[in-house]
Amino acid sequence: MSGNQTELLREISTKLDALLALMRIAFRDSIEAAKERSLARSEIKKAIYELCDGKNTVDDIAEELKKEPAYIRVYLGTLEEEGLIVKKDNKYEAVV
């Protein structure tokens, strides 16, 4: 990939991050309500969510919780589908 393409991708990523921040503000109440409903049902799901700080990979979360990575992936997939987390560079970050 050329330097121009890399720079363009970096610029797009920055703009998407800014858009995500605006969406977090605009839909904060809805996201909080969904988060409370979702996490109230499962302690393991809540623990996984709390480790989604933008620094942890599946393996990091699995190691921290002493579970298999495949088990963690199932919950991460559910949290992603619910819009509570996003995956960026193999690391997971909570939306709110």
PDB file of N, CA and C in Angstrom:
ATOM      1  N   MET A   1       0.850  -1.170   0.000  1.00  0.00           N
ATOM      2  CA  MET A   1       0.000   0.000   0.000  1.00  0.00           C
ATOM      3  C   MET A   1       0.895   1.233   0.000  1.00  0.00           C
ATOM      4  N   SER A   2       0.571   2.201  -0.828  1.00  0.00           N
ATOM      5  CA  SER A   2       1.394   3.406  -0.937  1.00  0.00           C
ATOM      6  C   SER A   2       1.140   4.335   0.251  1.00  0.00           C
ATOM      7  N   GLY A   3       2.033   5.283   0.401  1.00  0.00           N
ATOM      8  CA  GLY A   3       1.923   6.258   1.479  1.00  0.00           C
ATOM      9  C   GLY A   3       0.640   7.066   1.397  1.00  0.00           C
ATOM     10  N   ASN A   4       0.221   7.412   0.178  1.00  0.00           N
ATOM     11  CA  ASN A   4      -1.016   8.184  -0.008  1.00  0.00           C
ATOM     12  C   ASN A   4      -2.234   7.379   0.435  1.00  0.00           C
ATOM     13  N   GLN A   5      -2.247   6.093   0.092  1.00  0.00           N
ATOM     14  CA  GLN A   5      -3.369   5.244   0.475  1.00  0.00           C
ATOM     15  C   GLN A   5      -3.417   5.073   1.997  1.00  0.00           C
ATOM     16  N   THR A   6      -2.273   4.897   2.595  1.00  0.00           N
ATOM     17  CA  THR A   6      -2.198   4.752   4.049  1.00  0.00           C
ATOM     18  C   THR A   6      -2.699   6.014   4.730  1.00  0.00           C
ATOM     19  N   GLU A   7      -2.284   7.151   4.234  1.00  0.00           N
ATOM     20  CA  GLU A   7      -2.713   8.429   4.809  1.00  0.00           C
ATOM     21  C   GLU A   7      -4.225   8.619   4.629  1.00  0.00           C
ATOM     22  N   LEU A   8      -4.742   8.249   3.470  1.00  0.00           N
ATOM     23  CA  LEU A   8      -6.175   8.357   3.216  1.00  0.00           C
ATOM     24  C   LEU A   8      -6.963   7.465   4.175  1.00  0.00           C
ATOM     25  N   LEU A   9      -6.494   6.242   4.367  1.00  0.00           N
ATOM     26  CA  LEU A   9      -7.164   5.331   5.299  1.00  0.00           C
ATOM     27  C   LEU A   9      -7.117   5.872   6.725  1.00  0.00           C
ATOM     28  N   ARG A  10      -6.016   6.455   7.106  1.00  0.00           N
ATOM     29  CA  ARG A  10      -5.880   7.049   8.440  1.00  0.00           C
ATOM     30  C   ARG A  10      -6.871   8.211   8.601  1.00  0.00           C
ATOM     31  N   GLU A  11      -7.002   9.026   7.560  1.00  0.00           N
ATOM     32  CA  GLU A  11      -7.926  10.150   7.590  1.00  0.00           C
ATOM     33  C   GLU A  11      -9.379   9.660   7.686  1.00  0.00           C
ATOM     34  N   ILE A  12      -9.716   8.632   6.925  1.00  0.00           N
ATOM     35  CA  ILE A  12     -11.060   8.057   6.980  1.00  0.00           C
ATOM     36  C   ILE A  12     -11.343   7.503   8.372  1.00  0.00           C
ATOM     37  N   SER A  13     -10.373   6.811   8.943  1.00  0.00           N
ATOM     38  CA  SER A  13     -10.525   6.251  10.274  1.00  0.00           C
ATOM     39  C   SER A  13     -10.769   7.347  11.310  1.00  0.00           C
ATOM     40  N   THR A  14     -10.049   8.433  11.200  1.00  0.00           N
ATOM     41  CA  THR A  14     -10.220   9.561  12.124  1.00  0.00           C
ATOM     42  C   THR A  14     -11.623  10.145  12.005  1.00  0.00           C
ATOM     43  N   LYS A  15     -12.105  10.283  10.778  1.00  0.00           N
ATOM     44  CA  LYS A  15     -13.443  10.826  10.570  1.00  0.00           C
ATOM     45  C   LYS A  15     -14.514   9.875  11.088  1.00  0.00           C
ATOM     46  N   LEU A  16     -14.307   8.581  10.914  1.00  0.00           N
ATOM     47  CA  LEU A  16     -15.261   7.611  11.436  1.00  0.00           C
ATOM     48  C   LEU A  16     -15.282   7.620  12.961  1.00  0.00           C
ATOM     49  N   ASP A  17     -14.125   7.790  13.574  1.00  0.00           N
ATOM     50  CA  ASP A  17     -14.061   7.890  15.036  1.00  0.00           C
ATOM     51  C   ASP A  17     -14.835   9.115  15.523  1.00  0.00           C
ATOM     52  N   ALA A  18     -14.703  10.232  14.807  1.00  0.00           N
ATOM     53  CA  ALA A  18     -15.436  11.450  15.170  1.00  0.00           C
ATOM     54  C   ALA A  18     -16.942  11.223  15.022  1.00  0.00           C
ATOM     55  N   LEU A  19     -17.350  10.547  13.958  1.00  0.00           N
ATOM     56  CA  LEU A  19     -18.763  10.244  13.742  1.00  0.00           C
ATOM     57  C   LEU A  19     -19.294   9.335  14.847  1.00  0.00           C
ATOM     58  N   LEU A  20     -18.514   8.341  15.235  1.00  0.00           N
ATOM     59  CA  LEU A  20     -18.905   7.446  16.316  1.00  0.00           C
ATOM     60  C   LEU A  20     -19.086   8.227  17.616  1.00  0.00           C
ATOM     61  N   ALA A  21     -18.194   9.165  17.882  1.00  0.00           N
ATOM     62  CA  ALA A  21     -18.311   9.990  19.088  1.00  0.00           C
ATOM     63  C   ALA A  21     -19.607  10.790  19.075  1.00  0.00           C
ATOM     64  N   LEU A  22     -19.966  11.352  17.941  1.00  0.00           N
ATOM     65  CA  LEU A  22     -21.227  12.100  17.824  1.00  0.00           C
ATOM     66  C   LEU A  22     -22.432  11.189  18.023  1.00  0.00           C
ATOM     67  N   MET A  23     -22.361   9.992  17.464  1.00  0.00           N
ATOM     68  CA  MET A  23     -23.451   9.031  17.617  1.00  0.00           C
ATOM     69  C   MET A  23     -23.609   8.630  19.085  1.00  0.00           C
ATOM     70  N   ARG A  24     -22.493   8.484  19.769  1.00  0.00           N
ATOM     71  CA  ARG A  24     -22.545   8.147  21.193  1.00  0.00           C
ATOM     72  C   ARG A  24     -23.287   9.218  21.969  1.00  0.00           C
ATOM     73  N   ILE A  25     -23.038  10.462  21.630  1.00  0.00           N
ATOM     74  CA  ILE A  25     -23.697  11.578  22.310  1.00  0.00           C
ATOM     75  C   ILE A  25     -25.182  11.595  21.957  1.00  0.00           C
ATOM     76  N   ALA A  26     -25.491  11.495  20.686  1.00  0.00           N
ATOM     77  CA  ALA A  26     -26.875  11.605  20.216  1.00  0.00           C
ATOM     78  C   ALA A  26     -27.771  10.476  20.733  1.00  0.00           C
ATOM     79  N   PHE A  27     -27.232   9.286  20.848  1.00  0.00           N
ATOM     80  CA  PHE A  27     -28.037   8.133  21.233  1.00  0.00           C
ATOM     81  C   PHE A  27     -27.667   7.574  22.604  1.00  0.00           C
ATOM     82  N   ARG A  28     -27.049   8.371  23.422  1.00  0.00           N
ATOM     83  CA  ARG A  28     -26.555   7.925  24.725  1.00  0.00           C
ATOM     84  C   ARG A  28     -27.657   7.262  25.570  1.00  0.00           C
ATOM     85  N   ASP A  29     -28.816   7.897  25.678  1.00  0.00           N
ATOM     86  CA  ASP A  29     -29.887   7.344  26.511  1.00  0.00           C
ATOM     87  C   ASP A  29     -30.357   5.981  26.001  1.00  0.00           C
ATOM     88  N   SER A  30     -30.534   5.871  24.698  1.00  0.00           N
ATOM     89  CA  SER A  30     -30.969   4.601  24.115  1.00  0.00           C
ATOM     90  C   SER A  30     -29.917   3.515  24.313  1.00  0.00           C
ATOM     91  N   ILE A  31     -28.668   3.889  24.130  1.00  0.00           N
ATOM     92  CA  ILE A  31     -27.580   2.922  24.281  1.00  0.00           C
ATOM     93  C   ILE A  31     -27.466   2.482  25.738  1.00  0.00           C
ATOM     94  N   GLU A  32     -27.588   3.431  26.656  1.00  0.00           N
ATOM     95  CA  GLU A  32     -27.524   3.094  28.089  1.00  0.00           C
ATOM     96  C   GLU A  32     -28.654   2.139  28.479  1.00  0.00           C
ATOM     97  N   ALA A  33     -29.852   2.406  27.985  1.00  0.00           N
ATOM     98  CA  ALA A  33     -30.992   1.537  28.304  1.00  0.00           C
ATOM     99  C   ALA A  33     -30.774   0.131  27.746  1.00  0.00           C
ATOM    100  N   ALA A  34     -30.295   0.043  26.523  1.00  0.00           N
ATOM    101  CA  ALA A  34     -30.016  -1.262  25.913  1.00  0.00           C
ATOM    102  C   ALA A  34     -28.916  -1.983  26.680  1.00  0.00           C
ATOM    103  N   LYS A  35     -27.913  -1.236  27.089  1.00  0.00           N
ATOM    104  CA  LYS A  35     -26.810  -1.825  27.844  1.00  0.00           C
ATOM    105  C   LYS A  35     -27.311  -2.386  29.172  1.00  0.00           C
ATOM    106  N   GLU A  36     -28.109  -1.629  29.877  1.00  0.00           N
ATOM    107  CA  GLU A  36     -28.633  -2.097  31.162  1.00  0.00           C
ATOM    108  C   GLU A  36     -29.462  -3.358  30.998  1.00  0.00           C
ATOM    109  N   ARG A  37     -30.337  -3.379  29.978  1.00  0.00           N
ATOM    110  CA  ARG A  37     -31.160  -4.573  29.734  1.00  0.00           C
ATOM    111  C   ARG A  37     -30.288  -5.782  29.404  1.00  0.00           C
ATOM    112  N   SER A  38     -29.318  -5.584  28.551  1.00  0.00           N
ATOM    113  CA  SER A  38     -28.478  -6.687  28.089  1.00  0.00           C
ATOM    114  C   SER A  38     -27.594  -7.235  29.201  1.00  0.00           C
ATOM    115  N   LEU A  39     -26.954  -6.351  29.932  1.00  0.00           N
ATOM    116  CA  LEU A  39     -25.982  -6.795  30.934  1.00  0.00           C
ATOM    117  C   LEU A  39     -26.633  -7.292  32.214  1.00  0.00           C
ATOM    118  N   ALA A  40     -27.889  -6.927  32.449  1.00  0.00           N
ATOM    119  CA  ALA A  40     -28.583  -7.371  33.658  1.00  0.00           C
ATOM    120  C   ALA A  40     -28.821  -8.876  33.659  1.00  0.00           C
ATOM    121  N   ARG A  41     -28.821  -9.469  32.471  1.00  0.00           N
ATOM    122  CA  ARG A  41     -29.155 -10.895  32.347  1.00  0.00           C
ATOM    123  C   ARG A  41     -27.974 -11.843  32.540  1.00  0.00           C
ATOM    124  N   SER A  42     -26.741 -11.323  32.500  1.00  0.00           N
ATOM    125  CA  SER A  42     -25.591 -12.230  32.504  1.00  0.00           C
ATOM    126  C   SER A  42     -24.359 -11.578  33.134  1.00  0.00           C
ATOM    127  N   GLU A  43     -23.875 -12.191  34.184  1.00  0.00           N
ATOM    128  CA  GLU A  43     -22.675 -11.668  34.861  1.00  0.00           C
ATOM    129  C   GLU A  43     -21.429 -11.806  33.981  1.00  0.00           C
ATOM    130  N   ILE A  44     -21.316 -12.916  33.244  1.00  0.00           N
ATOM    131  CA  ILE A  44     -20.138 -13.108  32.387  1.00  0.00           C
ATOM    132  C   ILE A  44     -20.147 -12.089  31.249  1.00  0.00           C
ATOM    133  N   LYS A  45     -21.323 -11.832  30.707  1.00  0.00           N
ATOM    134  CA  LYS A  45     -21.442 -10.841  29.641  1.00  0.00           C
ATOM    135  C   LYS A  45     -21.038  -9.466  30.154  1.00  0.00           C
ATOM    136  N   LYS A  46     -21.448  -9.143  31.360  1.00  0.00           N
ATOM    137  CA  LYS A  46     -21.089  -7.860  31.982  1.00  0.00           C
ATOM    138  C   LYS A  46     -19.581  -7.779  32.198  1.00  0.00           C
ATOM    139  N   ALA A  47     -18.980  -8.857  32.662  1.00  0.00           N
ATOM    140  CA  ALA A  47     -17.534  -8.889  32.889  1.00  0.00           C
ATOM    141  C   ALA A  47     -16.775  -8.704  31.575  1.00  0.00           C
ATOM    142  N   ILE A  48     -17.242  -9.347  30.527  1.00  0.00           N
ATOM    143  CA  ILE A  48     -16.611  -9.209  29.209  1.00  0.00           C
ATOM    144  C   ILE A  48     -16.750  -7.773  28.722  1.00  0.00           C
ATOM    145  N   TYR A  49     -17.950  -7.224  28.840  1.00  0.00           N
ATOM    146  CA  TYR A  49     -18.194  -5.838  28.418  1.00  0.00           C
ATOM    147  C   TYR A  49     -17.230  -4.876  29.134  1.00  0.00           C
ATOM    148  N   GLU A  50     -17.062  -5.065  30.417  1.00  0.00           N
ATOM    149  CA  GLU A  50     -16.209  -4.176  31.206  1.00  0.00           C
ATOM    150  C   GLU A  50     -14.743  -4.244  30.777  1.00  0.00           C
ATOM    151  N   LEU A  51     -14.346  -5.348  30.141  1.00  0.00           N
ATOM    152  CA  LEU A  51     -12.973  -5.479  29.646  1.00  0.00           C
ATOM    153  C   LEU A  51     -12.805  -4.932  28.228  1.00  0.00           C
ATOM    154  N   CYS A  52     -13.885  -4.467  27.638  1.00  0.00           N
ATOM    155  CA  CYS A  52     -13.833  -3.877  26.288  1.00  0.00           C
ATOM    156  C   CYS A  52     -13.447  -2.405  26.412  1.00  0.00           C
ATOM    157  N   ASP A  53     -12.165  -2.186  26.626  1.00  0.00           N
ATOM    158  CA  ASP A  53     -11.660  -0.831  26.863  1.00  0.00           C
ATOM    159  C   ASP A  53     -10.804  -0.307  25.709  1.00  0.00           C
ATOM    160  N   GLY A  54     -10.824  -1.033  24.595  1.00  0.00           N
ATOM    161  CA  GLY A  54     -10.026  -0.635  23.442  1.00  0.00           C
ATOM    162  C   GLY A  54      -8.596  -1.128  23.510  1.00  0.00           C
ATOM    163  N   LYS A  55      -8.248  -1.844  24.567  1.00  0.00           N
ATOM    164  CA  LYS A  55      -6.877  -2.347  24.756  1.00  0.00           C
ATOM    165  C   LYS A  55      -6.804  -3.867  24.728  1.00  0.00           C
ATOM    166  N   ASN A  56      -7.947  -4.517  24.926  1.00  0.00           N
ATOM    167  CA  ASN A  56      -7.957  -5.971  25.075  1.00  0.00           C
ATOM    168  C   ASN A  56      -8.418  -6.702  23.819  1.00  0.00           C
ATOM    169  N   THR A  57      -7.705  -7.788  23.520  1.00  0.00           N
ATOM    170  CA  THR A  57      -8.079  -8.694  22.439  1.00  0.00           C
ATOM    171  C   THR A  57      -8.921  -9.820  23.037  1.00  0.00           C
ATOM    172  N   VAL A  58      -9.415 -10.700  22.180  1.00  0.00           N
ATOM    173  CA  VAL A  58     -10.160 -11.870  22.648  1.00  0.00           C
ATOM    174  C   VAL A  58      -9.296 -12.670  23.623  1.00  0.00           C
ATOM    175  N   ASP A  59      -8.052 -12.894  23.253  1.00  0.00           N
ATOM    176  CA  ASP A  59      -7.161 -13.688  24.111  1.00  0.00           C
ATOM    177  C   ASP A  59      -6.921 -13.016  25.457  1.00  0.00           C
ATOM    178  N   ASP A  60      -6.785 -11.690  25.461  1.00  0.00           N
ATOM    179  CA  ASP A  60      -6.592 -10.964  26.720  1.00  0.00           C
ATOM    180  C   ASP A  60      -7.799 -11.145  27.638  1.00  0.00           C
ATOM    181  N   ILE A  61      -8.984 -10.994  27.063  1.00  0.00           N
ATOM    182  CA  ILE A  61     -10.218 -11.125  27.844  1.00  0.00           C
ATOM    183  C   ILE A  61     -10.368 -12.554  28.353  1.00  0.00           C
ATOM    184  N   ALA A  62     -10.087 -13.521  27.487  1.00  0.00           N
ATOM    185  CA  ALA A  62     -10.184 -14.929  27.883  1.00  0.00           C
ATOM    186  C   ALA A  62      -9.225 -15.240  29.029  1.00  0.00           C
ATOM    187  N   GLU A  63      -8.023 -14.737  28.928  1.00  0.00           N
ATOM    188  CA  GLU A  63      -7.034 -14.973  29.984  1.00  0.00           C
ATOM    189  C   GLU A  63      -7.474 -14.330  31.295  1.00  0.00           C
ATOM    190  N   GLU A  64      -7.946 -13.118  31.219  1.00  0.00           N
ATOM    191  CA  GLU A  64      -8.390 -12.398  32.421  1.00  0.00           C
ATOM    192  C   GLU A  64      -9.536 -13.119  33.124  1.00  0.00           C
ATOM    193  N   LEU A  65     -10.468 -13.651  32.328  1.00  0.00           N
ATOM    194  CA  LEU A  65     -11.652 -14.306  32.899  1.00  0.00           C
ATOM    195  C   LEU A  65     -11.495 -15.818  33.039  1.00  0.00           C
ATOM    196  N   LYS A  66     -10.330 -16.325  32.634  1.00  0.00           N
ATOM    197  CA  LYS A  66     -10.040 -17.764  32.728  1.00  0.00           C
ATOM    198  C   LYS A  66     -11.088 -18.599  31.982  1.00  0.00           C
ATOM    199  N   LYS A  67     -11.373 -18.161  30.746  1.00  0.00           N
ATOM    200  CA  LYS A  67     -12.305 -18.869  29.869  1.00  0.00           C
ATOM    201  C   LYS A  67     -11.615 -19.113  28.537  1.00  0.00           C
ATOM    202  N   GLU A  68     -12.181 -19.984  27.732  1.00  0.00           N
ATOM    203  CA  GLU A  68     -11.647 -20.259  26.405  1.00  0.00           C
ATOM    204  C   GLU A  68     -11.974 -19.098  25.458  1.00  0.00           C
ATOM    205  N   PRO A  69     -11.051 -18.756  24.545  1.00  0.00           N
ATOM    206  CA  PRO A  69     -11.308 -17.681  23.586  1.00  0.00           C
ATOM    207  C   PRO A  69     -12.599 -17.883  22.780  1.00  0.00           C
ATOM    208  N   ALA A  70     -12.909 -19.120  22.405  1.00  0.00           N
ATOM    209  CA  ALA A  70     -14.129 -19.382  21.635  1.00  0.00           C
ATOM    210  C   ALA A  70     -15.375 -18.989  22.440  1.00  0.00           C
ATOM    211  N   TYR A  71     -15.344 -19.248  23.719  1.00  0.00           N
ATOM    212  CA  TYR A  71     -16.456 -18.885  24.612  1.00  0.00           C
ATOM    213  C   TYR A  71     -16.618 -17.366  24.656  1.00  0.00           C
ATOM    214  N   ILE A  72     -15.498 -16.659  24.761  1.00  0.00           N
ATOM    215  CA  ILE A  72     -15.503 -15.192  24.813  1.00  0.00           C
ATOM    216  C   ILE A  72     -16.011 -14.619  23.491  1.00  0.00           C
ATOM    217  N   ARG A  73     -15.595 -15.207  22.371  1.00  0.00           N
ATOM    218  CA  ARG A  73     -16.020 -14.725  21.045  1.00  0.00           C
ATOM    219  C   ARG A  73     -17.538 -14.735  20.878  1.00  0.00           C
ATOM    220  N   VAL A  74     -18.193 -15.729  21.437  1.00  0.00           N
ATOM    221  CA  VAL A  74     -19.655 -15.808  21.343  1.00  0.00           C
ATOM    222  C   VAL A  74     -20.280 -14.568  21.989  1.00  0.00           C
ATOM    223  N   TYR A  75     -19.830 -14.237  23.175  1.00  0.00           N
ATOM    224  CA  TYR A  75     -20.373 -13.073  23.871  1.00  0.00           C
ATOM    225  C   TYR A  75     -19.980 -11.767  23.178  1.00  0.00           C
ATOM    226  N   LEU A  76     -18.755 -11.692  22.684  1.00  0.00           N
ATOM    227  CA  LEU A  76     -18.334 -10.481  21.971  1.00  0.00           C
ATOM    228  C   LEU A  76     -19.195 -10.275  20.729  1.00  0.00           C
ATOM    229  N   GLY A  77     -19.500 -11.365  20.038  1.00  0.00           N
ATOM    230  CA  GLY A  77     -20.368 -11.272  18.868  1.00  0.00           C
ATOM    231  C   GLY A  77     -21.750 -10.745  19.234  1.00  0.00           C
ATOM    232  N   THR A  78     -22.278 -11.226  20.337  1.00  0.00           N
ATOM    233  CA  THR A  78     -23.585 -10.757  20.805  1.00  0.00           C
ATOM    234  C   THR A  78     -23.529  -9.281  21.171  1.00  0.00           C
ATOM    235  N   LEU A  79     -22.481  -8.886  21.887  1.00  0.00           N
ATOM    236  CA  LEU A  79     -22.336  -7.483  22.272  1.00  0.00           C
ATOM    237  C   LEU A  79     -22.186  -6.582  21.049  1.00  0.00           C
ATOM    238  N   GLU A  80     -21.479  -7.067  20.027  1.00  0.00           N
ATOM    239  CA  GLU A  80     -21.349  -6.307  18.774  1.00  0.00           C
ATOM    240  C   GLU A  80     -22.706  -6.166  18.086  1.00  0.00           C
ATOM    241  N   GLU A  81     -23.446  -7.259  18.001  1.00  0.00           N
ATOM    242  CA  GLU A  81     -24.766  -7.236  17.358  1.00  0.00           C
ATOM    243  C   GLU A  81     -25.709  -6.280  18.075  1.00  0.00           C
ATOM    244  N   GLU A  82     -25.576  -6.199  19.378  1.00  0.00           N
ATOM    245  CA  GLU A  82     -26.421  -5.305  20.172  1.00  0.00           C
ATOM    246  C   GLU A  82     -25.960  -3.852  20.078  1.00  0.00           C
ATOM    247  N   GLY A  83     -24.823  -3.635  19.439  1.00  0.00           N
ATOM    248  CA  GLY A  83     -24.316  -2.277  19.276  1.00  0.00           C
ATOM    249  C   GLY A  83     -23.640  -1.716  20.509  1.00  0.00           C
ATOM    250  N   LEU A  84     -23.250  -2.585  21.434  1.00  0.00           N
ATOM    251  CA  LEU A  84     -22.643  -2.116  22.679  1.00  0.00           C
ATOM    252  C   LEU A  84     -21.128  -2.030  22.605  1.00  0.00           C
ATOM    253  N   ILE A  85     -20.520  -2.756  21.669  1.00  0.00           N
ATOM    254  CA  ILE A  85     -19.070  -2.693  21.493  1.00  0.00           C
ATOM    255  C   ILE A  85     -18.741  -2.634  20.003  1.00  0.00           C
ATOM    256  N   VAL A  86     -17.524  -2.206  19.718  1.00  0.00           N
ATOM    257  CA  VAL A  86     -17.008  -2.226  18.353  1.00  0.00           C
ATOM    258  C   VAL A  86     -15.633  -2.876  18.377  1.00  0.00           C
ATOM    259  N   LYS A  87     -15.275  -3.501  17.269  1.00  0.00           N
ATOM    260  CA  LYS A  87     -13.973  -4.130  17.125  1.00  0.00           C
ATOM    261  C   LYS A  87     -13.104  -3.223  16.270  1.00  0.00           C
ATOM    262  N   LYS A  88     -11.903  -2.958  16.757  1.00  0.00           N
ATOM    263  CA  LYS A  88     -10.980  -2.113  16.018  1.00  0.00           C
ATOM    264  C   LYS A  88      -9.574  -2.680  16.189  1.00  0.00           C
ATOM    265  N   ASP A  89      -8.981  -3.085  15.087  1.00  0.00           N
ATOM    266  CA  ASP A  89      -7.627  -3.658  15.121  1.00  0.00           C
ATOM    267  C   ASP A  89      -7.527  -4.836  16.087  1.00  0.00           C
ATOM    268  N   ASN A  90      -8.490  -5.742  16.036  1.00  0.00           N
ATOM    269  CA  ASN A  90      -8.521  -6.948  16.886  1.00  0.00           C
ATOM    270  C   ASN A  90      -8.697  -6.648  18.370  1.00  0.00           C
ATOM    271  N   LYS A  91      -9.053  -5.423  18.698  1.00  0.00           N
ATOM    272  CA  LYS A  91      -9.325  -5.045  20.087  1.00  0.00           C
ATOM    273  C   LYS A  91     -10.760  -4.560  20.162  1.00  0.00           C
ATOM    274  N   TYR A  92     -11.333  -4.708  21.322  1.00  0.00           N
ATOM    275  CA  TYR A  92     -12.742  -4.386  21.497  1.00  0.00           C
ATOM    276  C   TYR A  92     -12.915  -3.172  22.401  1.00  0.00           C
ATOM    277  N   GLU A  93     -13.864  -2.313  22.003  1.00  0.00           N
ATOM    278  CA  GLU A  93     -14.107  -1.085  22.750  1.00  0.00           C
ATOM    279  C   GLU A  93     -15.604  -0.910  22.982  1.00  0.00           C
ATOM    280  N   ALA A  94     -15.953  -0.585  24.205  1.00  0.00           N
ATOM    281  CA  ALA A  94     -17.354  -0.310  24.538  1.00  0.00           C
ATOM    282  C   ALA A  94     -17.781   0.981  23.858  1.00  0.00           C
ATOM    283  N   VAL A  95     -19.001   0.992  23.346  1.00  0.00           N
ATOM    284  CA  VAL A  95     -19.528   2.199  22.696  1.00  0.00           C
ATOM    285  C   VAL A  95     -19.857   3.249  23.744  1.00  0.00           C
ATOM    286  N   VAL A  96     -20.400   2.814  24.863  1.00  0.00           N
ATOM    287  CA  VAL A  96     -20.725   3.746  25.952  1.00  0.00           C
ATOM    288  C   VAL A  96     -20.144   3.207  27.232  1.00  0.00           C
TER     289      VAL A  96
END
